[in-house]
Amino acid sequence: MSDMNGLEARLRLPSTPEWDAFHDSVLDHRKRLERALRREVVHDARSARCRLQNLAVRDLADEALCQTLDEWRSKPSGTPPFEWMLKRGLHLLDEALDREALAAESRHEERSEEQRLHEFNLTRDDEERARWLEVAGLARGADDEAFAETGDGESCQFDRLTSPPDTSCPDARMQQAETILELDRALLRLPELRRRAVAHRFLDGLDLGEVAFLLDLEEHEVEVELTSALRTLRDDLRPTR
């Protein structure tokens, strides 16, 4: 109850258009943040040496949200609230992974890619699974302009591989799970910067400027990373004959 009261107190900030928009969607932002942090744990090499039960991603997301609210007035002008919060969450996750990896230097836990996906329920989250399938479809038909934005600032639409996740049959679900696993393996083989660029751009749905902010890059550098990453993914996901 005290945590709820604390959050309610934090949400009583002076009204501005930006604050009102963030406040009205705070639960969606919180869910989106936790999903992004969970995916980072899945793919971060340090997690292979960690006891994952010691990484409370939900708590990290709550802490990042609270920091965002506590320091709202210090947010740089022009920085989107979600990206500001996500950057804080990623920093907190980096610290947690470093602590756990250090504590686990003498401990090695083998985890297969299938177990990792099962543990984080990626294939049970319809919204997240749909994005993974879209990225797989994008990579299989990738070209240099695949990640470009349309003229009205909206992200380009991806081709869907199957029926909507919530209506697909068991056989389709199995095929989708195999596609997600194949993409997961391909993402793990990418250099870290390129993997994060792809994840933020296509799985988190951020635009080029927002990705550049998170990765401390220029927009043209993000474009280069995305182009290279999509070409690599296209080669990795190309069907064998």
Foldseek 3Di string as FASTA:
>chain_A
DVLVVLVVVLLPDDDDVLSVVCSVCVVVLLVLLLVLLLVCCLQPPLVQLFDVVQVPSNVLSVVLSSVCSVCVVVPDPPQRSSLSSSLSSVVVSVVSSVVRSVVRVVPGDDDDLVRSCVVSVQLVPQLLLQLLQQLLQCLQVDDLCQAPDDPVRATDGGDGDDPRSVPDDPVVSVVSVVSSSLLSVLLSPDPPLLSQLCCCVRSSVDHLVSSCVSSVHDSVVSSVSPRVSSPSSNVSSPDDD
